[in-house]
Amino acid sequence: MIEDFRDLSGIQLDALKEIGNIGAGNAATALAVMTQDRIDMSVPQVGIMPFDKVAELVGGPDIPVVGVYFQVTGSANSNILFILSIEKAVLLAELLMGLPPSHGNSLGDMEMSAVAEAGNIISGTYLNALAMFTQMTLIPSVPAVGVDMAGALLDGVLARYGEIGDYVLVLENMFKKGDLDVIGHLFLIPEPGALDSILTALGVNY
């Protein structure tokens, strides 16, 4: 039985990366439809890290970030967290709304809505790809969006949904439009037993 992401083999990681590739491709298509313009997404970089190191990946616990959070229920209860720095969140919102880059650091209601929709699309396409490969039922909640210091935001996730694994799967996505690029991180945080169920359904749990 796989207890946490540290126990994954290369083949198991490759299977999860392939799902990420398909999800990214579908997300790029969906974002292009949303913006009526081409949005490129790079092949996601997939990795494993302790949950308590997540804040460091986005610059440290005191860095202001935007987080889009989903609880996933069904065959493998999990959590998904999409995190961007404030600067990158503003740039992504402007990119999606067809606005010139302002290099600002303030998010209004429209920008927050655009970031939430991007998080919704990326998480949804990843879950759809995972469900297609595993034949599992994976139902995301309505997204919750927050702006806070990275450490405080992650502490809030723990306080609200304490029963999660110590390690998370990280998919680093890069959005590109012309010379503009935005990096965002998608974290899959399975509840106890969920990772084992996913790998078993993928046929790579050995």
N, C-alpha and C. Protein backbone atom coordinates (compact mmCIF):
# COMPACT_ATOMS: atom_id res chain seq x y z
N MET A 1 0.85 -1.20 0.00
CA MET A 1 0.00 0.00 0.00
C MET A 1 0.88 1.25 0.00
N ILE A 2 0.54 2.21 -0.83
CA ILE A 2 1.26 3.48 -0.87
C ILE A 2 0.75 4.36 0.27
N GLU A 3 1.67 4.75 1.15
CA GLU A 3 1.26 5.58 2.28
C GLU A 3 1.38 7.08 1.95
N ASP A 4 2.40 7.45 1.18
CA ASP A 4 2.52 8.84 0.78
C ASP A 4 3.33 8.92 -0.51
N PHE A 5 3.47 10.13 -1.04
CA PHE A 5 4.09 10.30 -2.35
C PHE A 5 5.56 9.90 -2.38
N ARG A 6 6.21 9.79 -1.21
CA ARG A 6 7.61 9.37 -1.20
C ARG A 6 7.77 7.94 -1.70
N ASP A 7 6.69 7.16 -1.62
CA ASP A 7 6.77 5.74 -1.98
C ASP A 7 6.52 5.48 -3.47
N LEU A 8 6.26 6.53 -4.24
CA LEU A 8 5.93 6.32 -5.65
C LEU A 8 7.15 5.90 -6.46
N SER A 9 6.93 4.97 -7.39
CA SER A 9 7.99 4.55 -8.32
C SER A 9 8.02 5.49 -9.51
N GLY A 10 9.04 5.33 -10.35
CA GLY A 10 9.14 6.13 -11.57
C GLY A 10 7.96 5.90 -12.49
N ILE A 11 7.52 4.66 -12.61
CA ILE A 11 6.39 4.34 -13.48
C ILE A 11 5.12 5.00 -12.96
N GLN A 12 4.95 4.99 -11.65
CA GLN A 12 3.75 5.61 -11.08
C GLN A 12 3.76 7.13 -11.30
N LEU A 13 4.92 7.75 -11.12
CA LEU A 13 5.03 9.18 -11.37
C LEU A 13 4.81 9.50 -12.85
N ASP A 14 5.32 8.65 -13.74
CA ASP A 14 5.12 8.86 -15.17
C ASP A 14 3.64 8.82 -15.53
N ALA A 15 2.90 7.90 -14.90
CA ALA A 15 1.46 7.80 -15.16
C ALA A 15 0.75 9.08 -14.73
N LEU A 16 1.11 9.61 -13.56
CA LEU A 16 0.49 10.84 -13.08
C LEU A 16 0.91 12.03 -13.94
N LYS A 17 2.17 12.01 -14.44
CA LYS A 17 2.63 13.09 -15.30
C LYS A 17 1.88 13.08 -16.63
N GLU A 18 1.62 11.89 -17.17
CA GLU A 18 0.89 11.80 -18.43
C GLU A 18 -0.52 12.36 -18.28
N ILE A 19 -1.13 12.08 -17.14
CA ILE A 19 -2.46 12.66 -16.87
C ILE A 19 -2.36 14.18 -16.80
N GLY A 20 -1.28 14.68 -16.18
CA GLY A 20 -1.07 16.12 -16.13
C GLY A 20 -0.88 16.72 -17.52
N ASN A 21 -0.18 16.01 -18.40
CA ASN A 21 0.01 16.49 -19.77
C ASN A 21 -1.32 16.65 -20.49
N ILE A 22 -2.17 15.64 -20.36
CA ILE A 22 -3.48 15.68 -21.02
C ILE A 22 -4.33 16.79 -20.43
N GLY A 23 -4.29 16.91 -19.09
CA GLY A 23 -5.05 17.98 -18.45
C GLY A 23 -4.59 19.35 -18.90
N ALA A 24 -3.27 19.55 -19.03
CA ALA A 24 -2.74 20.85 -19.46
C ALA A 24 -3.17 21.17 -20.88
N GLY A 25 -3.13 20.16 -21.76
CA GLY A 25 -3.56 20.39 -23.13
C GLY A 25 -5.02 20.78 -23.22
N ASN A 26 -5.85 20.09 -22.45
CA ASN A 26 -7.28 20.42 -22.44
C ASN A 26 -7.53 21.79 -21.80
N ALA A 27 -6.73 22.13 -20.78
CA ALA A 27 -6.88 23.44 -20.14
C ALA A 27 -6.51 24.55 -21.11
N ALA A 28 -5.43 24.35 -21.89
CA ALA A 28 -5.02 25.36 -22.87
C ALA A 28 -6.13 25.61 -23.88
N THR A 29 -6.78 24.52 -24.32
CA THR A 29 -7.89 24.66 -25.27
C THR A 29 -9.04 25.43 -24.64
N ALA A 30 -9.38 25.08 -23.39
CA ALA A 30 -10.50 25.74 -22.72
C ALA A 30 -10.21 27.22 -22.47
N LEU A 31 -8.96 27.54 -22.10
CA LEU A 31 -8.60 28.94 -21.88
C LEU A 31 -8.60 29.73 -23.19
N ALA A 32 -8.22 29.06 -24.29
CA ALA A 32 -8.25 29.72 -25.59
C ALA A 32 -9.68 30.07 -25.99
N VAL A 33 -10.61 29.16 -25.70
CA VAL A 33 -12.03 29.42 -25.98
C VAL A 33 -12.51 30.58 -25.11
N MET A 34 -12.11 30.57 -23.85
CA MET A 34 -12.52 31.62 -22.91
C MET A 34 -12.04 33.00 -23.35
N THR A 35 -10.80 33.07 -23.86
CA THR A 35 -10.20 34.36 -24.22
C THR A 35 -10.33 34.69 -25.71
N GLN A 36 -10.80 33.69 -26.49
CA GLN A 36 -10.85 33.83 -27.94
C GLN A 36 -9.48 34.20 -28.51
N ASP A 37 -8.48 33.62 -27.90
CA ASP A 37 -7.10 33.85 -28.34
C ASP A 37 -6.28 32.64 -27.92
N ARG A 38 -5.12 32.47 -28.49
CA ARG A 38 -4.30 31.31 -28.18
C ARG A 38 -3.59 31.49 -26.84
N ILE A 39 -3.76 30.50 -25.99
CA ILE A 39 -3.03 30.43 -24.73
C ILE A 39 -2.24 29.12 -24.74
N ASP A 40 -0.93 29.22 -24.64
CA ASP A 40 -0.10 28.02 -24.59
C ASP A 40 0.16 27.64 -23.15
N MET A 41 0.17 26.34 -22.89
CA MET A 41 0.55 25.84 -21.57
C MET A 41 1.66 24.83 -21.76
N SER A 42 2.71 24.96 -20.97
CA SER A 42 3.83 24.03 -21.07
C SER A 42 3.45 22.68 -20.47
N VAL A 43 4.22 21.67 -20.84
CA VAL A 43 4.06 20.36 -20.20
C VAL A 43 4.36 20.54 -18.72
N PRO A 44 3.46 20.12 -17.84
CA PRO A 44 3.68 20.39 -16.41
C PRO A 44 4.91 19.66 -15.87
N GLN A 45 5.63 20.35 -15.00
CA GLN A 45 6.68 19.71 -14.23
C GLN A 45 6.02 19.06 -13.02
N VAL A 46 6.24 17.78 -12.84
CA VAL A 46 5.59 17.04 -11.77
C VAL A 46 6.61 16.69 -10.71
N GLY A 47 6.25 16.90 -9.46
CA GLY A 47 7.16 16.56 -8.36
C GLY A 47 6.40 16.22 -7.10
N ILE A 48 7.16 15.86 -6.08
CA ILE A 48 6.60 15.48 -4.79
C ILE A 48 7.28 16.35 -3.74
N MET A 49 6.52 16.84 -2.78
CA MET A 49 7.13 17.62 -1.71
C MET A 49 6.29 17.54 -0.44
N PRO A 50 6.91 17.77 0.71
CA PRO A 50 6.14 17.79 1.95
C PRO A 50 5.15 18.96 1.94
N PHE A 51 4.00 18.75 2.53
CA PHE A 51 3.01 19.82 2.59
C PHE A 51 3.58 21.06 3.26
N ASP A 52 4.41 20.87 4.29
CA ASP A 52 4.92 22.04 5.02
C ASP A 52 6.00 22.80 4.25
N LYS A 53 6.37 22.32 3.03
CA LYS A 53 7.32 23.04 2.21
C LYS A 53 6.64 23.76 1.04
N VAL A 54 5.33 23.63 0.94
CA VAL A 54 4.60 24.22 -0.18
C VAL A 54 4.81 25.73 -0.24
N ALA A 55 4.75 26.40 0.91
CA ALA A 55 4.90 27.86 0.92
C ALA A 55 6.24 28.30 0.35
N GLU A 56 7.28 27.51 0.58
CA GLU A 56 8.61 27.87 0.08
C GLU A 56 8.65 27.87 -1.44
N LEU A 57 7.84 27.01 -2.06
CA LEU A 57 7.83 26.93 -3.52
C LEU A 57 7.31 28.21 -4.15
N VAL A 58 6.45 28.92 -3.45
CA VAL A 58 5.88 30.15 -4.01
C VAL A 58 6.55 31.39 -3.43
N GLY A 59 7.72 31.21 -2.79
CA GLY A 59 8.48 32.36 -2.33
C GLY A 59 8.64 32.51 -0.84
N GLY A 60 7.94 31.70 -0.06
CA GLY A 60 8.05 31.77 1.39
C GLY A 60 6.71 32.01 2.04
N PRO A 61 6.59 31.70 3.35
CA PRO A 61 5.29 31.81 4.04
C PRO A 61 4.76 33.23 4.15
N ASP A 62 5.63 34.24 4.02
CA ASP A 62 5.19 35.63 4.16
C ASP A 62 4.87 36.30 2.83
N ILE A 63 4.92 35.55 1.74
CA ILE A 63 4.63 36.10 0.42
C ILE A 63 3.11 36.12 0.19
N PRO A 64 2.54 37.28 -0.18
CA PRO A 64 1.10 37.31 -0.48
C PRO A 64 0.79 36.50 -1.74
N VAL A 65 -0.21 35.66 -1.66
CA VAL A 65 -0.58 34.80 -2.78
C VAL A 65 -2.09 34.78 -2.95
N VAL A 66 -2.49 34.29 -4.10
CA VAL A 66 -3.91 33.98 -4.35
C VAL A 66 -4.01 32.46 -4.40
N GLY A 67 -4.96 31.92 -3.67
CA GLY A 67 -5.18 30.48 -3.67
C GLY A 67 -6.60 30.16 -4.11
N VAL A 68 -6.73 29.17 -4.98
CA VAL A 68 -8.05 28.67 -5.39
C VAL A 68 -8.11 27.22 -4.90
N TYR A 69 -9.08 26.96 -4.03
CA TYR A 69 -9.13 25.67 -3.34
C TYR A 69 -10.39 24.89 -3.71
N PHE A 70 -10.20 23.58 -3.88
CA PHE A 70 -11.33 22.69 -4.17
C PHE A 70 -11.23 21.46 -3.26
N GLN A 71 -12.36 21.02 -2.77
CA GLN A 71 -12.42 19.72 -2.12
C GLN A 71 -12.98 18.73 -3.14
N VAL A 72 -12.35 17.58 -3.27
CA VAL A 72 -12.76 16.57 -4.24
C VAL A 72 -13.35 15.38 -3.50
N THR A 73 -14.56 15.01 -3.85
CA THR A 73 -15.22 13.87 -3.23
C THR A 73 -15.51 12.82 -4.30
N GLY A 74 -15.87 11.63 -3.84
CA GLY A 74 -16.17 10.54 -4.77
C GLY A 74 -15.34 9.32 -4.45
N SER A 75 -14.70 8.77 -5.47
CA SER A 75 -13.95 7.52 -5.31
C SER A 75 -12.63 7.70 -4.56
N ALA A 76 -12.09 8.90 -4.55
CA ALA A 76 -10.80 9.16 -3.88
C ALA A 76 -10.82 10.59 -3.35
N ASN A 77 -11.24 10.75 -2.11
CA ASN A 77 -11.36 12.09 -1.55
C ASN A 77 -10.00 12.77 -1.48
N SER A 78 -9.94 13.98 -2.01
CA SER A 78 -8.68 14.71 -2.10
C SER A 78 -8.96 16.20 -1.99
N ASN A 79 -7.91 16.97 -2.07
CA ASN A 79 -8.00 18.42 -2.09
C ASN A 79 -7.10 18.92 -3.21
N ILE A 80 -7.52 19.99 -3.85
CA ILE A 80 -6.70 20.61 -4.89
C ILE A 80 -6.53 22.08 -4.53
N LEU A 81 -5.29 22.54 -4.63
CA LEU A 81 -4.98 23.93 -4.34
C LEU A 81 -4.17 24.50 -5.49
N PHE A 82 -4.66 25.58 -6.08
CA PHE A 82 -3.97 26.28 -7.16
C PHE A 82 -3.46 27.59 -6.59
N ILE A 83 -2.14 27.81 -6.62
CA ILE A 83 -1.54 28.99 -5.97
C ILE A 83 -0.72 29.79 -6.97
N LEU A 84 -0.89 31.11 -6.90
CA LEU A 84 -0.09 32.06 -7.68
C LEU A 84 0.33 33.20 -6.77
N SER A 85 1.51 33.76 -7.03
CA SER A 85 1.86 35.01 -6.36
C SER A 85 0.89 36.09 -6.82
N ILE A 86 0.76 37.15 -6.03
CA ILE A 86 -0.15 38.25 -6.40
C ILE A 86 0.23 38.82 -7.76
N GLU A 87 1.51 39.04 -7.96
CA GLU A 87 1.97 39.61 -9.24
C GLU A 87 1.59 38.72 -10.41
N LYS A 88 1.79 37.42 -10.28
CA LYS A 88 1.46 36.50 -11.37
C LYS A 88 -0.05 36.36 -11.52
N ALA A 89 -0.78 36.46 -10.43
CA ALA A 89 -2.25 36.38 -10.50
C ALA A 89 -2.81 37.57 -11.28
N VAL A 90 -2.26 38.76 -11.02
CA VAL A 90 -2.70 39.95 -11.77
C VAL A 90 -2.38 39.78 -13.25
N LEU A 91 -1.19 39.29 -13.54
CA LEU A 91 -0.78 39.10 -14.94
C LEU A 91 -1.67 38.06 -15.62
N LEU A 92 -1.99 36.98 -14.92
CA LEU A 92 -2.86 35.95 -15.49
C LEU A 92 -4.26 36.52 -15.75
N ALA A 93 -4.79 37.29 -14.80
CA ALA A 93 -6.11 37.88 -14.98
C ALA A 93 -6.13 38.81 -16.19
N GLU A 94 -5.10 39.63 -16.32
CA GLU A 94 -5.02 40.55 -17.46
C GLU A 94 -4.89 39.78 -18.77
N LEU A 95 -4.11 38.71 -18.74
CA LEU A 95 -3.94 37.88 -19.92
C LEU A 95 -5.29 37.29 -20.35
N LEU A 96 -6.04 36.79 -19.36
CA LEU A 96 -7.33 36.17 -19.67
C LEU A 96 -8.39 37.18 -20.10
N MET A 97 -8.27 38.40 -19.59
CA MET A 97 -9.25 39.43 -19.93
C MET A 97 -8.84 40.24 -21.16
N GLY A 98 -7.69 39.90 -21.76
CA GLY A 98 -7.24 40.61 -22.96
C GLY A 98 -6.75 42.01 -22.69
N LEU A 99 -6.25 42.26 -21.47
CA LEU A 99 -5.76 43.58 -21.11
C LEU A 99 -4.24 43.63 -21.21
N PRO A 100 -3.67 44.79 -21.49
CA PRO A 100 -2.20 44.89 -21.51
C PRO A 100 -1.66 44.71 -20.10
N PRO A 101 -0.47 44.16 -19.96
CA PRO A 101 0.09 43.95 -18.62
C PRO A 101 0.36 45.27 -17.91
N SER A 102 -0.10 45.37 -16.67
CA SER A 102 0.08 46.60 -15.91
C SER A 102 1.21 46.48 -14.89
N HIS A 103 1.66 45.24 -14.66
CA HIS A 103 2.69 44.97 -13.65
C HIS A 103 2.24 45.48 -12.28
N GLY A 104 0.92 45.43 -12.07
CA GLY A 104 0.37 45.86 -10.79
C GLY A 104 0.36 44.72 -9.79
N ASN A 105 -0.12 45.03 -8.59
CA ASN A 105 -0.19 44.02 -7.55
C ASN A 105 -1.48 44.11 -6.74
N SER A 106 -2.53 44.62 -7.39
CA SER A 106 -3.83 44.68 -6.71
C SER A 106 -4.86 43.93 -7.55
N LEU A 107 -5.71 43.21 -6.86
CA LEU A 107 -6.73 42.39 -7.52
C LEU A 107 -8.12 42.90 -7.16
N GLY A 108 -8.86 43.31 -8.17
CA GLY A 108 -10.25 43.67 -7.97
C GLY A 108 -11.15 42.46 -8.15
N ASP A 109 -12.44 42.69 -8.09
CA ASP A 109 -13.39 41.58 -8.20
C ASP A 109 -13.27 40.87 -9.55
N MET A 110 -13.09 41.63 -10.63
CA MET A 110 -12.99 41.01 -11.95
C MET A 110 -11.74 40.15 -12.08
N GLU A 111 -10.63 40.66 -11.55
CA GLU A 111 -9.39 39.89 -11.60
C GLU A 111 -9.50 38.61 -10.76
N MET A 112 -10.10 38.73 -9.59
CA MET A 112 -10.27 37.55 -8.73
C MET A 112 -11.14 36.51 -9.42
N SER A 113 -12.19 36.99 -10.10
CA SER A 113 -13.08 36.08 -10.82
C SER A 113 -12.34 35.37 -11.94
N ALA A 114 -11.47 36.10 -12.64
CA ALA A 114 -10.71 35.50 -13.75
C ALA A 114 -9.74 34.44 -13.23
N VAL A 115 -9.07 34.73 -12.11
CA VAL A 115 -8.13 33.76 -11.53
C VAL A 115 -8.89 32.53 -11.04
N ALA A 116 -10.05 32.76 -10.41
CA ALA A 116 -10.86 31.62 -9.94
C ALA A 116 -11.29 30.75 -11.11
N GLU A 117 -11.66 31.38 -12.21
CA GLU A 117 -12.10 30.61 -13.38
C GLU A 117 -10.92 29.83 -13.98
N ALA A 118 -9.74 30.44 -14.00
CA ALA A 118 -8.57 29.73 -14.49
C ALA A 118 -8.27 28.52 -13.60
N GLY A 119 -8.33 28.72 -12.29
CA GLY A 119 -8.12 27.60 -11.37
C GLY A 119 -9.16 26.52 -11.55
N ASN A 120 -10.39 26.95 -11.79
CA ASN A 120 -11.50 26.00 -12.01
C ASN A 120 -11.25 25.17 -13.27
N ILE A 121 -10.81 25.82 -14.34
CA ILE A 121 -10.55 25.13 -15.61
C ILE A 121 -9.39 24.15 -15.47
N ILE A 122 -8.29 24.62 -14.89
CA ILE A 122 -7.10 23.76 -14.77
C ILE A 122 -7.39 22.56 -13.87
N SER A 123 -8.01 22.81 -12.72
CA SER A 123 -8.34 21.70 -11.82
C SER A 123 -9.33 20.74 -12.46
N GLY A 124 -10.32 21.31 -13.14
CA GLY A 124 -11.34 20.47 -13.77
C GLY A 124 -10.79 19.59 -14.87
N THR A 125 -9.90 20.15 -15.70
CA THR A 125 -9.34 19.34 -16.79
C THR A 125 -8.41 18.25 -16.25
N TYR A 126 -7.68 18.57 -15.18
CA TYR A 126 -6.83 17.55 -14.57
C TYR A 126 -7.68 16.43 -13.96
N LEU A 127 -8.73 16.79 -13.25
CA LEU A 127 -9.61 15.78 -12.66
C LEU A 127 -10.31 14.95 -13.73
N ASN A 128 -10.72 15.61 -14.81
CA ASN A 128 -11.38 14.87 -15.90
C ASN A 128 -10.42 13.85 -16.52
N ALA A 129 -9.16 14.25 -16.71
CA ALA A 129 -8.17 13.32 -17.26
C ALA A 129 -7.93 12.17 -16.30
N LEU A 130 -7.85 12.49 -15.01
CA LEU A 130 -7.65 11.44 -14.01
C LEU A 130 -8.84 10.49 -13.98
N ALA A 131 -10.04 11.05 -14.05
CA ALA A 131 -11.25 10.21 -14.04
C ALA A 131 -11.32 9.34 -15.30
N MET A 132 -10.89 9.88 -16.44
CA MET A 132 -10.92 9.12 -17.69
C MET A 132 -9.98 7.91 -17.61
N PHE A 133 -8.80 8.11 -17.06
CA PHE A 133 -7.82 7.03 -16.96
C PHE A 133 -8.20 5.99 -15.91
N THR A 134 -8.84 6.43 -14.84
CA THR A 134 -9.10 5.53 -13.71
C THR A 134 -10.52 5.01 -13.66
N GLN A 135 -11.44 5.63 -14.44
CA GLN A 135 -12.86 5.32 -14.36
C GLN A 135 -13.42 5.59 -12.96
N MET A 136 -12.80 6.52 -12.25
CA MET A 136 -13.26 6.89 -10.91
C MET A 136 -14.21 8.08 -11.00
N THR A 137 -15.03 8.22 -9.99
CA THR A 137 -15.89 9.39 -9.86
C THR A 137 -15.18 10.41 -8.98
N LEU A 138 -14.88 11.58 -9.55
CA LEU A 138 -14.16 12.63 -8.83
C LEU A 138 -14.94 13.93 -9.01
N ILE A 139 -15.51 14.42 -7.93
CA ILE A 139 -16.42 15.56 -8.00
C ILE A 139 -15.82 16.75 -7.25
N PRO A 140 -15.44 17.82 -7.96
CA PRO A 140 -14.87 18.98 -7.27
C PRO A 140 -15.97 19.86 -6.68
N SER A 141 -15.64 20.50 -5.58
CA SER A 141 -16.56 21.46 -4.96
C SER A 141 -16.52 22.78 -5.74
N VAL A 142 -17.40 23.69 -5.36
CA VAL A 142 -17.32 25.05 -5.87
C VAL A 142 -16.00 25.64 -5.37
N PRO A 143 -15.26 26.35 -6.22
CA PRO A 143 -13.96 26.87 -5.78
C PRO A 143 -14.09 27.92 -4.68
N ALA A 144 -13.17 27.87 -3.73
CA ALA A 144 -13.03 28.92 -2.72
C ALA A 144 -11.76 29.68 -3.03
N VAL A 145 -11.86 31.00 -3.08
CA VAL A 145 -10.73 31.83 -3.47
C VAL A 145 -10.33 32.70 -2.29
N GLY A 146 -9.03 32.79 -2.05
CA GLY A 146 -8.56 33.63 -0.96
C GLY A 146 -7.26 34.32 -1.30
N VAL A 147 -7.04 35.47 -0.68
CA VAL A 147 -5.78 36.20 -0.79
C VAL A 147 -5.21 36.34 0.61
N ASP A 148 -3.99 35.86 0.80
CA ASP A 148 -3.38 35.90 2.13
C ASP A 148 -1.89 35.60 1.98
N MET A 149 -1.19 35.68 3.08
CA MET A 149 0.19 35.20 3.08
C MET A 149 0.16 33.69 2.83
N ALA A 150 1.16 33.18 2.12
CA ALA A 150 1.15 31.77 1.74
C ALA A 150 1.02 30.86 2.96
N GLY A 151 1.76 31.16 4.02
CA GLY A 151 1.71 30.33 5.22
C GLY A 151 0.34 30.33 5.86
N ALA A 152 -0.29 31.50 5.95
CA ALA A 152 -1.61 31.60 6.56
C ALA A 152 -2.66 30.88 5.72
N LEU A 153 -2.54 30.99 4.40
CA LEU A 153 -3.50 30.31 3.52
C LEU A 153 -3.42 28.79 3.69
N LEU A 154 -2.20 28.27 3.76
CA LEU A 154 -2.03 26.83 3.93
C LEU A 154 -2.47 26.38 5.31
N ASP A 155 -2.22 27.19 6.32
CA ASP A 155 -2.69 26.87 7.67
C ASP A 155 -4.21 26.79 7.68
N GLY A 156 -4.85 27.66 6.89
CA GLY A 156 -6.32 27.64 6.81
C GLY A 156 -6.84 26.36 6.19
N VAL A 157 -6.13 25.85 5.18
CA VAL A 157 -6.51 24.58 4.57
C VAL A 157 -6.41 23.46 5.60
N LEU A 158 -5.32 23.45 6.35
CA LEU A 158 -5.13 22.42 7.38
C LEU A 158 -6.19 22.52 8.47
N ALA A 159 -6.52 23.75 8.87
CA ALA A 159 -7.50 23.93 9.94
C ALA A 159 -8.89 23.47 9.52
N ARG A 160 -9.19 23.68 8.24
CA ARG A 160 -10.53 23.32 7.77
C ARG A 160 -10.62 21.85 7.38
N TYR A 161 -9.55 21.33 6.80
CA TYR A 161 -9.54 19.94 6.33
C TYR A 161 -8.27 19.28 6.86
N GLY A 162 -8.27 18.93 8.13
CA GLY A 162 -7.06 18.46 8.80
C GLY A 162 -6.59 17.10 8.37
N GLU A 163 -7.47 16.26 7.85
CA GLU A 163 -7.07 14.88 7.55
C GLU A 163 -6.55 14.78 6.12
N ILE A 164 -5.32 15.20 5.94
CA ILE A 164 -4.69 15.13 4.63
C ILE A 164 -3.32 14.47 4.79
N GLY A 165 -2.76 14.03 3.68
CA GLY A 165 -1.45 13.41 3.72
C GLY A 165 -0.36 14.43 3.98
N ASP A 166 0.81 13.93 4.40
CA ASP A 166 1.94 14.82 4.68
C ASP A 166 2.64 15.28 3.41
N TYR A 167 2.47 14.54 2.32
CA TYR A 167 3.14 14.86 1.06
C TYR A 167 2.12 15.16 -0.02
N VAL A 168 2.51 16.03 -0.94
CA VAL A 168 1.59 16.45 -2.00
C VAL A 168 2.25 16.26 -3.36
N LEU A 169 1.42 16.10 -4.36
CA LEU A 169 1.88 16.06 -5.75
C LEU A 169 1.78 17.47 -6.31
N VAL A 170 2.87 17.95 -6.91
CA VAL A 170 2.93 19.31 -7.44
C VAL A 170 2.98 19.27 -8.95
N LEU A 171 2.12 20.04 -9.60
CA LEU A 171 2.19 20.23 -11.04
C LEU A 171 2.43 21.71 -11.29
N GLU A 172 3.62 22.00 -11.82
CA GLU A 172 3.97 23.39 -12.13
C GLU A 172 3.56 23.68 -13.57
N ASN A 173 2.64 24.60 -13.74
CA ASN A 173 2.11 24.94 -15.06
C ASN A 173 2.59 26.33 -15.48
N MET A 174 2.97 26.46 -16.74
CA MET A 174 3.32 27.77 -17.28
C MET A 174 2.35 28.14 -18.40
N PHE A 175 1.73 29.29 -18.24
CA PHE A 175 0.84 29.83 -19.27
C PHE A 175 1.63 30.83 -20.08
N LYS A 176 1.47 30.80 -21.40
CA LYS A 176 2.19 31.75 -22.25
C LYS A 176 1.23 32.34 -23.27
N LYS A 177 1.39 33.64 -23.46
CA LYS A 177 0.67 34.33 -24.53
C LYS A 177 1.63 35.37 -25.08
N GLY A 178 2.16 35.10 -26.27
CA GLY A 178 3.18 35.98 -26.81
C GLY A 178 4.43 35.95 -25.93
N ASP A 179 4.87 37.12 -25.48
CA ASP A 179 6.06 37.23 -24.63
C ASP A 179 5.74 37.12 -23.15
N LEU A 180 4.46 37.01 -22.82
CA LEU A 180 4.06 36.95 -21.41
C LEU A 180 4.02 35.51 -20.94
N ASP A 181 4.50 35.29 -19.74
CA ASP A 181 4.37 33.95 -19.17
C ASP A 181 4.02 34.06 -17.69
N VAL A 182 3.21 33.11 -17.24
CA VAL A 182 2.74 33.06 -15.86
C VAL A 182 2.94 31.65 -15.35
N ILE A 183 3.56 31.52 -14.19
CA ILE A 183 3.74 30.21 -13.58
C ILE A 183 2.79 30.09 -12.40
N GLY A 184 2.03 29.00 -12.38
CA GLY A 184 1.15 28.70 -11.26
C GLY A 184 1.39 27.26 -10.83
N HIS A 185 1.10 26.97 -9.58
CA HIS A 185 1.33 25.64 -9.04
C HIS A 185 0.01 25.01 -8.61
N LEU A 186 -0.20 23.79 -9.09
CA LEU A 186 -1.38 23.02 -8.72
C LEU A 186 -0.93 21.90 -7.80
N PHE A 187 -1.54 21.82 -6.63
CA PHE A 187 -1.18 20.81 -5.64
C PHE A 187 -2.34 19.83 -5.46
N LEU A 188 -2.06 18.55 -5.62
CA LEU A 188 -3.03 17.51 -5.32
C LEU A 188 -2.70 16.96 -3.94
N ILE A 189 -3.65 17.08 -3.01
CA ILE A 189 -3.43 16.70 -1.62
C ILE A 189 -4.44 15.61 -1.27
N PRO A 190 -4.06 14.34 -1.38
CA PRO A 190 -5.02 13.27 -1.13
C PRO A 190 -5.26 13.04 0.35
N GLU A 191 -6.46 12.65 0.68
CA GLU A 191 -6.75 12.23 2.04
C GLU A 191 -6.23 10.80 2.22
N PRO A 192 -6.07 10.33 3.46
CA PRO A 192 -5.52 8.99 3.69
C PRO A 192 -6.25 7.91 2.88
N GLY A 193 -5.48 7.10 2.17
CA GLY A 193 -6.03 6.00 1.37
C GLY A 193 -6.37 6.38 -0.05
N ALA A 194 -6.51 7.68 -0.33
CA ALA A 194 -6.95 8.10 -1.67
C ALA A 194 -5.89 7.83 -2.72
N LEU A 195 -4.62 8.09 -2.40
CA LEU A 195 -3.55 7.87 -3.38
C LEU A 195 -3.48 6.39 -3.77
N ASP A 196 -3.61 5.51 -2.79
CA ASP A 196 -3.59 4.08 -3.06
C ASP A 196 -4.72 3.70 -4.02
N SER A 197 -5.90 4.27 -3.79
CA SER A 197 -7.05 3.98 -4.66
C SER A 197 -6.80 4.45 -6.09
N ILE A 198 -6.20 5.64 -6.23
CA ILE A 198 -5.93 6.19 -7.57
C ILE A 198 -4.93 5.32 -8.31
N LEU A 199 -3.85 4.92 -7.63
CA LEU A 199 -2.83 4.12 -8.30
C LEU A 199 -3.34 2.73 -8.64
N THR A 200 -4.17 2.17 -7.77
CA THR A 200 -4.77 0.88 -8.08
C THR A 200 -5.64 0.97 -9.33
N ALA A 201 -6.44 2.05 -9.43
CA ALA A 201 -7.29 2.23 -10.59
C ALA A 201 -6.48 2.47 -11.86
N LEU A 202 -5.28 3.06 -11.72
CA LEU A 202 -4.41 3.28 -12.87
C LEU A 202 -3.69 2.00 -13.29
N GLY A 203 -3.72 0.99 -12.42
CA GLY A 203 -3.04 -0.25 -12.73
C GLY A 203 -1.55 -0.20 -12.50
N VAL A 204 -1.09 0.76 -11.66
CA VAL A 204 0.36 0.88 -11.43
C VAL A 204 0.66 0.80 -9.93
N ASN A 205 -0.23 0.19 -9.16
CA ASN A 205 -0.01 0.09 -7.71
C ASN A 205 0.64 -1.24 -7.38
N TYR A 206 1.96 -1.23 -7.39
CA TYR A 206 2.71 -2.44 -7.05
C TYR A 206 4.03 -2.09 -6.42
